[in-house]
Amino acid sequence: MKKLTAEEFAQRPFYGRGRRSKAYLALLKLEVGEALLIEPEDWGRRYPATQIARAIEKKYDRKFTGGKDALSGGWVFKREK
């Protein structure tokens, strides 16, 4: 454990509360027409990545197509809206 000064704290990035996994943030940053492949080893959660995509669709009024990837066993999404 280490104490941080105010300047050190201001320079450190952190995720904050809520769903802020790397996959969640990557889906949020997708532009229309871009696609994302989430490998199984990058996921590491009990629930499928499709659950996160549907939550983002509801909260941020976006549309994704895709789902479970047959080749890699991961998930693939493309942003439509």
C-alpha atoms as a PDB file:
ATOM      1  CA  MET A   1       0.000   0.000   0.000  1.00  0.00           C
ATOM      2  CA  LYS A   2       1.186   3.488  -0.734  1.00  0.00           C
ATOM      3  CA  LYS A   3      -0.116   6.957   0.058  1.00  0.00           C
ATOM      4  CA  LEU A   4      -0.518   9.285  -2.906  1.00  0.00           C
ATOM      5  CA  THR A   5      -0.216  13.019  -3.024  1.00  0.00           C
ATOM      6  CA  ALA A   6      -2.955  15.074  -4.665  1.00  0.00           C
ATOM      7  CA  GLU A   7      -0.829  15.473  -7.802  1.00  0.00           C
ATOM      8  CA  GLU A   8      -0.141  11.737  -8.054  1.00  0.00           C
ATOM      9  CA  PHE A   9      -3.829  10.985  -7.644  1.00  0.00           C
ATOM     10  CA  ALA A  10      -4.772  13.454 -10.377  1.00  0.00           C
ATOM     11  CA  GLN A  11      -2.355  11.774 -12.800  1.00  0.00           C
ATOM     12  CA  ARG A  12      -3.606   8.213 -12.231  1.00  0.00           C
ATOM     13  CA  PRO A  13      -6.389   6.925 -14.479  1.00  0.00           C
ATOM     14  CA  PHE A  14      -9.092   4.813 -12.892  1.00  0.00           C
ATOM     15  CA  TYR A  15     -12.392   3.326 -14.011  1.00  0.00           C
ATOM     16  CA  GLY A  16     -14.751   4.534 -11.314  1.00  0.00           C
ATOM     17  CA  ARG A  17     -18.033   2.879 -10.387  1.00  0.00           C
ATOM     18  CA  GLY A  18     -20.232   0.725 -12.529  1.00  0.00           C
ATOM     19  CA  ARG A  19     -19.515  -1.356 -15.575  1.00  0.00           C
ATOM     20  CA  ARG A  20     -16.165  -0.183 -16.762  1.00  0.00           C
ATOM     21  CA  SER A  21     -14.408  -3.263 -18.050  1.00  0.00           C
ATOM     22  CA  LYS A  22     -12.121  -2.934 -21.052  1.00  0.00           C
ATOM     23  CA  ALA A  23     -14.709  -4.636 -23.274  1.00  0.00           C
ATOM     24  CA  TYR A  24     -17.479  -2.298 -22.064  1.00  0.00           C
ATOM     25  CA  LEU A  25     -15.373   0.782 -22.780  1.00  0.00           C
ATOM     26  CA  ALA A  26     -14.316  -0.599 -26.176  1.00  0.00           C
ATOM     27  CA  LEU A  27     -17.978  -1.138 -27.143  1.00  0.00           C
ATOM     28  CA  LEU A  28     -18.839   2.386 -26.027  1.00  0.00           C
ATOM     29  CA  LYS A  29     -16.075   3.872 -28.179  1.00  0.00           C
ATOM     30  CA  LEU A  30     -17.065   2.054 -31.379  1.00  0.00           C
ATOM     31  CA  GLU A  31     -18.079   4.321 -34.239  1.00  0.00           C
ATOM     32  CA  VAL A  32     -20.886   3.416 -36.653  1.00  0.00           C
ATOM     33  CA  GLY A  33     -19.646   0.697 -39.015  1.00  0.00           C
ATOM     34  CA  GLU A  34     -16.747  -0.452 -36.810  1.00  0.00           C
ATOM     35  CA  ALA A  35     -16.562  -3.986 -35.431  1.00  0.00           C
ATOM     36  CA  LEU A  36     -15.024  -5.493 -32.301  1.00  0.00           C
ATOM     37  CA  LEU A  37     -13.903  -9.040 -31.527  1.00  0.00           C
ATOM     38  CA  ILE A  38     -13.810  -9.931 -27.831  1.00  0.00           C
ATOM     39  CA  GLU A  39     -11.654 -13.009 -27.262  1.00  0.00           C
ATOM     40  CA  PRO A  40     -12.695 -15.462 -24.503  1.00  0.00           C
ATOM     41  CA  GLU A  41      -9.455 -14.877 -22.580  1.00  0.00           C
ATOM     42  CA  ASP A  42     -10.131 -11.116 -22.620  1.00  0.00           C
ATOM     43  CA  TRP A  43     -13.630 -11.551 -21.204  1.00  0.00           C
ATOM     44  CA  GLY A  44     -13.331 -13.635 -18.014  1.00  0.00           C
ATOM     45  CA  ARG A  45     -16.877 -13.057 -16.751  1.00  0.00           C
ATOM     46  CA  ARG A  46     -19.647 -15.531 -15.907  1.00  0.00           C
ATOM     47  CA  TYR A  47     -22.208 -13.847 -18.147  1.00  0.00           C
ATOM     48  CA  PRO A  48     -21.905 -13.477 -21.930  1.00  0.00           C
ATOM     49  CA  ALA A  49     -20.653 -10.303 -23.611  1.00  0.00           C
ATOM     50  CA  THR A  50     -24.010 -10.008 -25.369  1.00  0.00           C
ATOM     51  CA  GLN A  51     -25.483  -8.935 -22.030  1.00  0.00           C
ATOM     52  CA  ILE A  52     -23.165  -5.918 -21.931  1.00  0.00           C
ATOM     53  CA  ALA A  53     -23.963  -5.028 -25.555  1.00  0.00           C
ATOM     54  CA  ARG A  54     -27.706  -5.078 -24.837  1.00  0.00           C
ATOM     55  CA  ALA A  55     -27.244  -2.909 -21.728  1.00  0.00           C
ATOM     56  CA  ILE A  56     -25.307  -0.342 -23.787  1.00  0.00           C
ATOM     57  CA  GLU A  57     -28.027  -0.404 -26.460  1.00  0.00           C
ATOM     58  CA  LYS A  58     -30.685   0.460 -23.891  1.00  0.00           C
ATOM     59  CA  LYS A  59     -28.706   3.080 -21.994  1.00  0.00           C
ATOM     60  CA  TYR A  60     -27.009   4.914 -24.877  1.00  0.00           C
ATOM     61  CA  ASP A  61     -29.489   4.381 -27.758  1.00  0.00           C
ATOM     62  CA  ARG A  62     -27.064   2.407 -29.927  1.00  0.00           C
ATOM     63  CA  LYS A  63     -27.579  -0.680 -32.044  1.00  0.00           C
ATOM     64  CA  PHE A  64     -25.166  -3.622 -32.342  1.00  0.00           C
ATOM     65  CA  THR A  65     -25.368  -6.701 -34.522  1.00  0.00           C
ATOM     66  CA  GLY A  66     -23.437  -9.858 -33.804  1.00  0.00           C
ATOM     67  CA  GLY A  67     -23.047 -12.278 -30.962  1.00  0.00           C
ATOM     68  CA  LYS A  68     -21.137 -15.477 -30.236  1.00  0.00           C
ATOM     69  CA  ASP A  69     -18.259 -16.018 -32.676  1.00  0.00           C
ATOM     70  CA  ALA A  70     -18.164 -19.552 -34.097  1.00  0.00           C
ATOM     71  CA  LEU A  71     -14.463 -19.420 -34.983  1.00  0.00           C
ATOM     72  CA  SER A  72     -12.814 -18.121 -31.813  1.00  0.00           C
ATOM     73  CA  GLY A  73     -15.454 -18.904 -29.195  1.00  0.00           C
ATOM     74  CA  GLY A  74     -15.552 -15.208 -28.269  1.00  0.00           C
ATOM     75  CA  TRP A  75     -18.013 -12.516 -29.291  1.00  0.00           C
ATOM     76  CA  VAL A  76     -18.099 -10.213 -32.276  1.00  0.00           C
ATOM     77  CA  PHE A  77     -20.130  -6.988 -32.508  1.00  0.00           C
ATOM     78  CA  LYS A  78     -20.630  -4.368 -35.194  1.00  0.00           C
ATOM     79  CA  ARG A  79     -22.141  -0.987 -34.397  1.00  0.00           C
ATOM     80  CA  GLU A  80     -25.056  -0.158 -36.686  1.00  0.00           C
ATOM     81  CA  LYS A  81     -26.471   3.001 -35.064  1.00  0.00           C
END
